[in-house]
PDB file of N, CA and C in Angstrom:
ATOM      1  N   MET A   1      72.511 205.546 142.295  1.00  0.00           N
ATOM      2  CA  MET A   1      73.528 205.304 141.288  1.00  0.00           C
ATOM      3  C   MET A   1      72.848 205.244 139.922  1.00  0.00           C
ATOM      4  N   ILE A   2      73.428 205.920 138.959  1.00  0.00           N
ATOM      5  CA  ILE A   2      72.909 205.970 137.596  1.00  0.00           C
ATOM      6  C   ILE A   2      73.857 205.213 136.680  1.00  0.00           C
ATOM      7  N   ILE A   3      73.296 204.328 135.883  1.00  0.00           N
ATOM      8  CA  ILE A   3      74.080 203.572 134.896  1.00  0.00           C
ATOM      9  C   ILE A   3      73.584 203.970 133.512  1.00  0.00           C
ATOM     10  N   GLY A   4      74.489 204.437 132.676  1.00  0.00           N
ATOM     11  CA  GLY A   4      74.150 204.806 131.307  1.00  0.00           C
ATOM     12  C   GLY A   4      74.837 203.878 130.327  1.00  0.00           C
ATOM     13  N   ILE A   5      74.068 203.379 129.384  1.00  0.00           N
ATOM     14  CA  ILE A   5      74.618 202.506 128.340  1.00  0.00           C
ATOM     15  C   ILE A   5      74.219 203.086 126.988  1.00  0.00           C
ATOM     16  N   MET A   6      75.221 203.318 126.159  1.00  0.00           N
ATOM     17  CA  MET A   6      74.980 203.850 124.820  1.00  0.00           C
ATOM     18  C   MET A   6      75.420 202.807 123.791  1.00  0.00           C
ATOM     19  N   ARG A   7      74.525 202.544 122.854  1.00  0.00           N
ATOM     20  CA  ARG A   7      74.839 201.648 121.726  1.00  0.00           C
ATOM     21  C   ARG A   7      74.996 202.520 120.509  1.00  0.00           C
ATOM     22  N   ILE A   8      76.113 202.335 119.804  1.00  0.00           N
ATOM     23  CA  ILE A   8      76.390 203.129 118.610  1.00  0.00           C
ATOM     24  C   ILE A   8      76.622 202.177 117.437  1.00  0.00           C
ATOM     25  N   SER A   9      75.842 202.344 116.386  1.00  0.00           N
ATOM     26  CA  SER A   9      76.046 201.568 115.156  1.00  0.00           C
ATOM     27  C   SER A   9      76.970 202.363 114.255  1.00  0.00           C
ATOM     28  N   LEU A  10      78.084 201.750 113.879  1.00  0.00           N
ATOM     29  CA  LEU A  10      79.095 202.444 113.096  1.00  0.00           C
ATOM     30  C   LEU A  10      79.281 201.805 111.730  1.00  0.00           C
ATOM     31  N   TYR A  11      79.623 202.636 110.769  1.00  0.00           N
ATOM     32  CA  TYR A  11      79.940 202.208 109.408  1.00  0.00           C
ATOM     33  C   TYR A  11      81.341 202.712 109.090  1.00  0.00           C
ATOM     34  N   ILE A  12      82.193 201.815 108.626  1.00  0.00           N
ATOM     35  CA  ILE A  12      83.570 202.153 108.282  1.00  0.00           C
ATOM     36  C   ILE A  12      83.737 201.893 106.791  1.00  0.00           C
ATOM     37  N   PRO A  13      83.516 202.915 105.949  1.00  0.00           N
ATOM     38  CA  PRO A  13      83.468 202.702 104.497  1.00  0.00           C
ATOM     39  C   PRO A  13      84.775 202.227 103.879  1.00  0.00           C
ATOM     40  N   ASP A  14      85.909 202.581 104.448  1.00  0.00           N
ATOM     41  CA  ASP A  14      87.190 202.214 103.843  1.00  0.00           C
ATOM     42  C   ASP A  14      87.726 200.863 104.303  1.00  0.00           C
ATOM     43  N   ALA A  15      87.020 200.192 105.201  1.00  0.00           N
ATOM     44  CA  ALA A  15      87.490 198.894 105.693  1.00  0.00           C
ATOM     45  C   ALA A  15      87.246 197.825 104.630  1.00  0.00           C
ATOM     46  N   GLY A  16      88.327 197.251 104.128  1.00  0.00           N
ATOM     47  CA  GLY A  16      88.218 196.215 103.107  1.00  0.00           C
ATOM     48  C   GLY A  16      88.408 194.817 103.651  1.00  0.00           C
ATOM     49  N   SER A  17      88.605 194.729 104.971  1.00  0.00           N
ATOM     50  CA  SER A  17      88.794 193.420 105.612  1.00  0.00           C
ATOM     51  C   SER A  17      88.481 193.561 107.092  1.00  0.00           C
ATOM     52  N   LEU A  18      88.354 192.419 107.764  1.00  0.00           N
ATOM     53  CA  LEU A  18      88.133 192.456 109.203  1.00  0.00           C
ATOM     54  C   LEU A  18      89.334 193.064 109.918  1.00  0.00           C
ATOM     55  N   LYS A  19      90.518 192.835 109.394  1.00  0.00           N
ATOM     56  CA  LYS A  19      91.736 193.390 109.987  1.00  0.00           C
ATOM     57  C   LYS A  19      91.717 194.922 109.910  1.00  0.00           C
ATOM     58  N   ALA A  20      91.297 195.470 108.791  1.00  0.00           N
ATOM     59  CA  ALA A  20      91.212 196.921 108.634  1.00  0.00           C
ATOM     60  C   ALA A  20      90.169 197.499 109.590  1.00  0.00           C
ATOM     61  N   LYS A  21      89.035 196.805 109.731  1.00  0.00           N
ATOM     62  CA  LYS A  21      87.996 197.253 110.656  1.00  0.00           C
ATOM     63  C   LYS A  21      88.527 197.248 112.083  1.00  0.00           C
ATOM     64  N   ARG A  22      89.195 196.183 112.492  1.00  0.00           N
ATOM     65  CA  ARG A  22      89.740 196.096 113.848  1.00  0.00           C
ATOM     66  C   ARG A  22      90.740 197.208 114.126  1.00  0.00           C
ATOM     67  N   PHE A  23      91.550 197.558 113.128  1.00  0.00           N
ATOM     68  CA  PHE A  23      92.539 198.620 113.283  1.00  0.00           C
ATOM     69  C   PHE A  23      91.852 199.954 113.594  1.00  0.00           C
ATOM     70  N   VAL A  24      90.804 200.274 112.842  1.00  0.00           N
ATOM     71  CA  VAL A  24      90.081 201.533 113.046  1.00  0.00           C
ATOM     72  C   VAL A  24      89.375 201.534 114.402  1.00  0.00           C
ATOM     73  N   ILE A  25      88.698 200.443 114.726  1.00  0.00           N
ATOM     74  CA  ILE A  25      87.948 200.365 115.978  1.00  0.00           C
ATOM     75  C   ILE A  25      88.884 200.399 117.180  1.00  0.00           C
ATOM     76  N   LYS A  26      90.005 199.718 117.096  1.00  0.00           N
ATOM     77  CA  LYS A  26      90.972 199.746 118.204  1.00  0.00           C
ATOM     78  C   LYS A  26      91.474 201.163 118.444  1.00  0.00           C
ATOM     79  N   SER A  27      91.747 201.884 117.378  1.00  0.00           N
ATOM     80  CA  SER A  27      92.203 203.267 117.495  1.00  0.00           C
ATOM     81  C   SER A  27      91.151 204.137 118.186  1.00  0.00           C
ATOM     82  N   VAL A  28      89.903 203.999 117.779  1.00  0.00           N
ATOM     83  CA  VAL A  28      88.817 204.785 118.364  1.00  0.00           C
ATOM     84  C   VAL A  28      88.632 204.418 119.836  1.00  0.00           C
ATOM     85  N   LYS A  29      88.626 203.124 120.138  1.00  0.00           N
ATOM     86  CA  LYS A  29      88.445 202.683 121.521  1.00  0.00           C
ATOM     87  C   LYS A  29      89.574 203.190 122.407  1.00  0.00           C
ATOM     88  N   ASP A  30      90.801 203.166 121.918  1.00  0.00           N
ATOM     89  CA  ASP A  30      91.933 203.657 122.705  1.00  0.00           C
ATOM     90  C   ASP A  30      91.804 205.149 122.995  1.00  0.00           C
ATOM     91  N   LYS A  31      91.391 205.924 122.004  1.00  0.00           N
ATOM     92  CA  LYS A  31      91.206 207.371 122.200  1.00  0.00           C
ATOM     93  C   LYS A  31      90.123 207.641 123.243  1.00  0.00           C
ATOM     94  N   ILE A  32      89.030 206.906 123.156  1.00  0.00           N
ATOM     95  CA  ILE A  32      87.924 207.101 124.096  1.00  0.00           C
ATOM     96  C   ILE A  32      88.357 206.726 125.512  1.00  0.00           C
ATOM     97  N   LYS A  33      89.024 205.592 125.655  1.00  0.00           N
ATOM     98  CA  LYS A  33      89.458 205.145 126.981  1.00  0.00           C
ATOM     99  C   LYS A  33      90.449 206.121 127.606  1.00  0.00           C
ATOM    100  N   ASN A  34      91.299 206.736 126.785  1.00  0.00           N
ATOM    101  CA  ASN A  34      92.268 207.690 127.313  1.00  0.00           C
ATOM    102  C   ASN A  34      91.634 208.995 127.764  1.00  0.00           C
ATOM    103  N   LYS A  35      90.503 209.354 127.162  1.00  0.00           N
ATOM    104  CA  LYS A  35      89.895 210.653 127.456  1.00  0.00           C
ATOM    105  C   LYS A  35      88.736 210.569 128.455  1.00  0.00           C
ATOM    106  N   PHE A  36      87.982 209.480 128.419  1.00  0.00           N
ATOM    107  CA  PHE A  36      86.780 209.364 129.244  1.00  0.00           C
ATOM    108  C   PHE A  36      86.868 208.130 130.138  1.00  0.00           C
ATOM    109  N   ASN A  37      86.210 208.214 131.270  1.00  0.00           N
ATOM    110  CA  ASN A  37      86.175 207.096 132.199  1.00  0.00           C
ATOM    111  C   ASN A  37      84.935 206.248 131.904  1.00  0.00           C
ATOM    112  N   VAL A  38      84.981 205.516 130.801  1.00  0.00           N
ATOM    113  CA  VAL A  38      83.870 204.654 130.392  1.00  0.00           C
ATOM    114  C   VAL A  38      84.400 203.258 130.075  1.00  0.00           C
ATOM    115  N   SER A  39      83.491 202.314 130.129  1.00  0.00           N
ATOM    116  CA  SER A  39      83.813 200.959 129.687  1.00  0.00           C
ATOM    117  C   SER A  39      83.283 200.783 128.282  1.00  0.00           C
ATOM    118  N   LEU A  40      84.042 200.078 127.452  1.00  0.00           N
ATOM    119  CA  LEU A  40      83.656 199.876 126.056  1.00  0.00           C
ATOM    120  C   LEU A  40      83.585 198.398 125.731  1.00  0.00           C
ATOM    121  N   ALA A  41      82.651 198.060 124.869  1.00  0.00           N
ATOM    122  CA  ALA A  41      82.532 196.699 124.362  1.00  0.00           C
ATOM    123  C   ALA A  41      82.120 196.776 122.904  1.00  0.00           C
ATOM    124  N   GLU A  42      82.590 195.806 122.155  1.00  0.00           N
ATOM    125  CA  GLU A  42      82.290 195.730 120.724  1.00  0.00           C
ATOM    126  C   GLU A  42      81.519 194.447 120.479  1.00  0.00           C
ATOM    127  N   GLU A  43      80.408 194.566 119.775  1.00  0.00           N
ATOM    128  CA  GLU A  43      79.644 193.368 119.433  1.00  0.00           C
ATOM    129  C   GLU A  43      80.330 192.693 118.256  1.00  0.00           C
ATOM    130  N   ALA A  44      80.674 191.451 118.452  1.00  0.00           N
ATOM    131  CA  ALA A  44      81.388 190.707 117.407  1.00  0.00           C
ATOM    132  C   ALA A  44      80.444 190.391 116.252  1.00  0.00           C
ATOM    133  N   ASN A  45      80.888 190.743 115.075  1.00  0.00           N
ATOM    134  CA  ASN A  45      80.187 190.346 113.858  1.00  0.00           C
ATOM    135  C   ASN A  45      81.221 190.231 112.743  1.00  0.00           C
ATOM    136  N   ASP A  46      80.849 189.573 111.682  1.00  0.00           N
ATOM    137  CA  ASP A  46      81.793 189.302 110.605  1.00  0.00           C
ATOM    138  C   ASP A  46      81.651 190.259 109.426  1.00  0.00           C
ATOM    139  N   LEU A  47      80.929 191.336 109.623  1.00  0.00           N
ATOM    140  CA  LEU A  47      80.804 192.321 108.553  1.00  0.00           C
ATOM    141  C   LEU A  47      82.013 193.247 108.582  1.00  0.00           C
ATOM    142  N   TRP A  48      82.623 193.454 107.442  1.00  0.00           N
ATOM    143  CA  TRP A  48      83.850 194.235 107.362  1.00  0.00           C
ATOM    144  C   TRP A  48      83.657 195.703 107.699  1.00  0.00           C
ATOM    145  N   GLN A  49      82.516 196.252 107.349  1.00  0.00           N
ATOM    146  CA  GLN A  49      82.343 197.698 107.458  1.00  0.00           C
ATOM    147  C   GLN A  49      81.346 198.135 108.531  1.00  0.00           C
ATOM    148  N   ARG A  50      80.817 197.213 109.296  1.00  0.00           N
ATOM    149  CA  ARG A  50      79.820 197.547 110.326  1.00  0.00           C
ATOM    150  C   ARG A  50      80.279 197.040 111.681  1.00  0.00           C
ATOM    151  N   VAL A  51      79.931 197.806 112.713  1.00  0.00           N
ATOM    152  CA  VAL A  51      80.247 197.395 114.080  1.00  0.00           C
ATOM    153  C   VAL A  51      79.271 198.063 115.040  1.00  0.00           C
ATOM    154  N   GLU A  52      78.947 197.354 116.091  1.00  0.00           N
ATOM    155  CA  GLU A  52      78.146 197.898 117.186  1.00  0.00           C
ATOM    156  C   GLU A  52      79.103 198.120 118.354  1.00  0.00           C
ATOM    157  N   LEU A  53      79.151 199.353 118.824  1.00  0.00           N
ATOM    158  CA  LEU A  53      80.024 199.699 119.931  1.00  0.00           C
ATOM    159  C   LEU A  53      79.146 200.121 121.103  1.00  0.00           C
ATOM    160  N   TYR A  54      79.465 199.621 122.294  1.00  0.00           N
ATOM    161  CA  TYR A  54      78.722 199.947 123.500  1.00  0.00           C
ATOM    162  C   TYR A  54      79.637 200.689 124.452  1.00  0.00           C
ATOM    163  N   ALA A  55      79.123 201.758 125.056  1.00  0.00           N
ATOM    164  CA  ALA A  55      79.854 202.514 126.065  1.00  0.00           C
ATOM    165  C   ALA A  55      78.988 202.578 127.310  1.00  0.00           C
ATOM    166  N   ALA A  56      79.602 202.330 128.473  1.00  0.00           N
ATOM    167  CA  ALA A  56      78.875 202.361 129.738  1.00  0.00           C
ATOM    168  C   ALA A  56      79.553 203.329 130.699  1.00  0.00           C
ATOM    169  N   CYS A  57      78.723 204.062 131.427  1.00  0.00           N
ATOM    170  CA  CYS A  57      79.215 205.036 132.404  1.00  0.00           C
ATOM    171  C   CYS A  57      78.359 204.914 133.662  1.00  0.00           C
ATOM    172  N   ILE A  58      79.002 204.955 134.820  1.00  0.00           N
ATOM    173  CA  ILE A  58      78.305 204.871 136.102  1.00  0.00           C
ATOM    174  C   ILE A  58      78.653 206.104 136.925  1.00  0.00           C
ATOM    175  N   SER A  59      77.623 206.720 137.505  1.00  0.00           N
ATOM    176  CA  SER A  59      77.836 207.903 138.331  1.00  0.00           C
ATOM    177  C   SER A  59      76.635 208.088 139.247  1.00  0.00           C
ATOM    178  N   THR A  60      76.767 208.992 140.184  1.00  0.00           N
ATOM    179  CA  THR A  60      75.629 209.349 141.030  1.00  0.00           C
ATOM    180  C   THR A  60      74.852 210.518 140.436  1.00  0.00           C
ATOM    181  N   ASP A  61      75.367 211.094 139.352  1.00  0.00           N
ATOM    182  CA  ASP A  61      74.765 212.275 138.735  1.00  0.00           C
ATOM    183  C   ASP A  61      74.312 211.967 137.308  1.00  0.00           C
ATOM    184  N   THR A  62      73.023 212.095 137.065  1.00  0.00           N
ATOM    185  CA  THR A  62      72.469 211.816 135.739  1.00  0.00           C
ATOM    186  C   THR A  62      73.072 212.720 134.676  1.00  0.00           C
ATOM    187  N   GLN A  63      73.263 213.992 135.011  1.00  0.00           N
ATOM    188  CA  GLN A  63      73.826 214.933 134.048  1.00  0.00           C
ATOM    189  C   GLN A  63      75.246 214.535 133.650  1.00  0.00           C
ATOM    190  N   HIS A  64      76.015 214.035 134.601  1.00  0.00           N
ATOM    191  CA  HIS A  64      77.387 213.601 134.302  1.00  0.00           C
ATOM    192  C   HIS A  64      77.377 212.419 133.328  1.00  0.00           C
ATOM    193  N   VAL A  65      76.503 211.464 133.566  1.00  0.00           N
ATOM    194  CA  VAL A  65      76.402 210.295 132.683  1.00  0.00           C
ATOM    195  C   VAL A  65      76.002 210.737 131.282  1.00  0.00           C
ATOM    196  N   ASN A  66      74.969 211.587 131.188  1.00  0.00           N
ATOM    197  CA  ASN A  66      74.512 212.073 129.876  1.00  0.00           C
ATOM    198  C   ASN A  66      75.620 212.818 129.135  1.00  0.00           C
ATOM    199  N   SER A  67      76.291 213.727 129.819  1.00  0.00           N
ATOM    200  CA  SER A  67      77.311 214.528 129.134  1.00  0.00           C
ATOM    201  C   SER A  67      78.520 213.683 128.737  1.00  0.00           C
ATOM    202  N   THR A  68      78.904 212.748 129.589  1.00  0.00           N
ATOM    203  CA  THR A  68      80.042 211.882 129.249  1.00  0.00           C
ATOM    204  C   THR A  68      79.748 211.056 128.007  1.00  0.00           C
ATOM    205  N   LEU A  69      78.592 210.422 127.963  1.00  0.00           N
ATOM    206  CA  LEU A  69      78.251 209.584 126.810  1.00  0.00           C
ATOM    207  C   LEU A  69      78.021 210.432 125.560  1.00  0.00           C
ATOM    208  N   GLU A  70      77.490 211.621 125.716  1.00  0.00           N
ATOM    209  CA  GLU A  70      77.333 212.529 124.567  1.00  0.00           C
ATOM    210  C   GLU A  70      78.703 212.940 124.031  1.00  0.00           C
ATOM    211  N   ASN A  71      79.654 213.193 124.918  1.00  0.00           N
ATOM    212  CA  ASN A  71      81.010 213.537 124.495  1.00  0.00           C
ATOM    213  C   ASN A  71      81.693 212.376 123.774  1.00  0.00           C
ATOM    214  N   VAL A  72      81.417 211.154 124.207  1.00  0.00           N
ATOM    215  CA  VAL A  72      81.952 209.980 123.514  1.00  0.00           C
ATOM    216  C   VAL A  72      81.406 209.937 122.093  1.00  0.00           C
ATOM    217  N   LYS A  73      80.089 210.148 121.957  1.00  0.00           N
ATOM    218  CA  LYS A  73      79.468 210.145 120.630  1.00  0.00           C
ATOM    219  C   LYS A  73      80.055 211.251 119.751  1.00  0.00           C
ATOM    220  N   ASN A  74      80.241 212.432 120.326  1.00  0.00           N
ATOM    221  CA  ASN A  74      80.802 213.551 119.562  1.00  0.00           C
ATOM    222  C   ASN A  74      82.226 213.260 119.108  1.00  0.00           C
ATOM    223  N   MET A  75      83.008 212.598 119.937  1.00  0.00           N
ATOM    224  CA  MET A  75      84.377 212.247 119.559  1.00  0.00           C
ATOM    225  C   MET A  75      84.373 211.277 118.375  1.00  0.00           C
ATOM    226  N   ILE A  76      83.461 210.317 118.400  1.00  0.00           N
ATOM    227  CA  ILE A  76      83.365 209.358 117.302  1.00  0.00           C
ATOM    228  C   ILE A  76      82.915 210.059 116.022  1.00  0.00           C
ATOM    229  N   GLU A  77      81.969 210.999 116.148  1.00  0.00           N
ATOM    230  CA  GLU A  77      81.473 211.735 114.975  1.00  0.00           C
ATOM    231  C   GLU A  77      82.582 212.516 114.280  1.00  0.00           C
ATOM    232  N   LYS A  78      83.560 212.980 115.029  1.00  0.00           N
ATOM    233  CA  LYS A  78      84.642 213.778 114.465  1.00  0.00           C
ATOM    234  C   LYS A  78      85.674 212.934 113.718  1.00  0.00           C
ATOM    235  N   ASP A  79      85.647 211.622 113.898  1.00  0.00           N
ATOM    236  CA  ASP A  79      86.599 210.749 113.217  1.00  0.00           C
ATOM    237  C   ASP A  79      86.196 210.610 111.749  1.00  0.00           C
ATOM    238  N   PRO A  80      87.066 211.016 110.815  1.00  0.00           N
ATOM    239  CA  PRO A  80      86.701 210.982 109.389  1.00  0.00           C
ATOM    240  C   PRO A  80      86.594 209.574 108.806  1.00  0.00           C
ATOM    241  N   GLN A  81      87.089 208.572 109.517  1.00  0.00           N
ATOM    242  CA  GLN A  81      87.045 207.193 109.014  1.00  0.00           C
ATOM    243  C   GLN A  81      85.734 206.484 109.329  1.00  0.00           C
ATOM    244  N   ILE A  82      84.893 207.124 110.164  1.00  0.00           N
ATOM    245  CA  ILE A  82      83.714 206.447 110.698  1.00  0.00           C
ATOM    246  C   ILE A  82      82.468 207.289 110.472  1.00  0.00           C
ATOM    247  N   GLU A  83      81.371 206.602 110.158  1.00  0.00           N
ATOM    248  CA  GLU A  83      80.058 207.234 110.085  1.00  0.00           C
ATOM    249  C   GLU A  83      79.162 206.574 111.129  1.00  0.00           C
ATOM    250  N   ILE A  84      78.410 207.393 111.858  1.00  0.00           N
ATOM    251  CA  ILE A  84      77.461 206.856 112.822  1.00  0.00           C
ATOM    252  C   ILE A  84      76.136 206.614 112.110  1.00  0.00           C
ATOM    253  N   LEU A  85      75.684 205.369 112.146  1.00  0.00           N
ATOM    254  CA  LEU A  85      74.412 205.015 111.513  1.00  0.00           C
ATOM    255  C   LEU A  85      73.247 205.212 112.467  1.00  0.00           C
ATOM    256  N   GLY A  86      73.518 205.088 113.756  1.00  0.00           N
ATOM    257  CA  GLY A  86      72.472 205.267 114.752  1.00  0.00           C
ATOM    258  C   GLY A  86      73.040 205.050 116.137  1.00  0.00           C
ATOM    259  N   TYR A  87      72.306 205.552 117.119  1.00  0.00           N
ATOM    260  CA  TYR A  87      72.723 205.315 118.491  1.00  0.00           C
ATOM    261  C   TYR A  87      71.511 205.386 119.401  1.00  0.00           C
ATOM    262  N   SER A  88      71.655 204.763 120.553  1.00  0.00           N
ATOM    263  CA  SER A  88      70.602 204.832 121.559  1.00  0.00           C
ATOM    264  C   SER A  88      71.257 204.938 122.925  1.00  0.00           C
ATOM    265  N   LEU A  89      70.560 205.563 123.840  1.00  0.00           N
ATOM    266  CA  LEU A  89      71.063 205.772 125.189  1.00  0.00           C
ATOM    267  C   LEU A  89      70.015 205.270 126.169  1.00  0.00           C
ATOM    268  N   GLU A  90      70.462 204.474 127.136  1.00  0.00           N
ATOM    269  CA  GLU A  90      69.555 203.930 128.137  1.00  0.00           C
ATOM    270  C   GLU A  90      70.130 204.237 129.518  1.00  0.00           C
ATOM    271  N   LEU A  91      69.321 204.835 130.364  1.00  0.00           N
ATOM    272  CA  LEU A  91      69.720 205.134 131.732  1.00  0.00           C
ATOM    273  C   LEU A  91      68.898 204.277 132.680  1.00  0.00           C
ATOM    274  N   SER A  92      69.553 203.795 133.709  1.00  0.00           N
ATOM    275  CA  SER A  92      68.816 203.032 134.738  1.00  0.00           C
ATOM    276  C   SER A  92      69.408 203.275 136.098  1.00  0.00           C
TER     277      SER A  92
END
């Protein structure tokens, strides 16, 4: 069994409050959950424009885990409201 965990650091330049940030992140998380079979978690912080998002995928195929998490990252990159500051992928 392969477990993949991706951490994505996001910047939301137009978020002027925590409420605005939550609105954008909720929208992104809902889109990802509807399209991919991954679990998502958000690291709680009080910065209005920054968020750490974690995506986890479990499979018996390493290639499936890699491609699924890469597709999640690509979907986030296409969102004009969000900039990716960095990401990391860990397989175990």
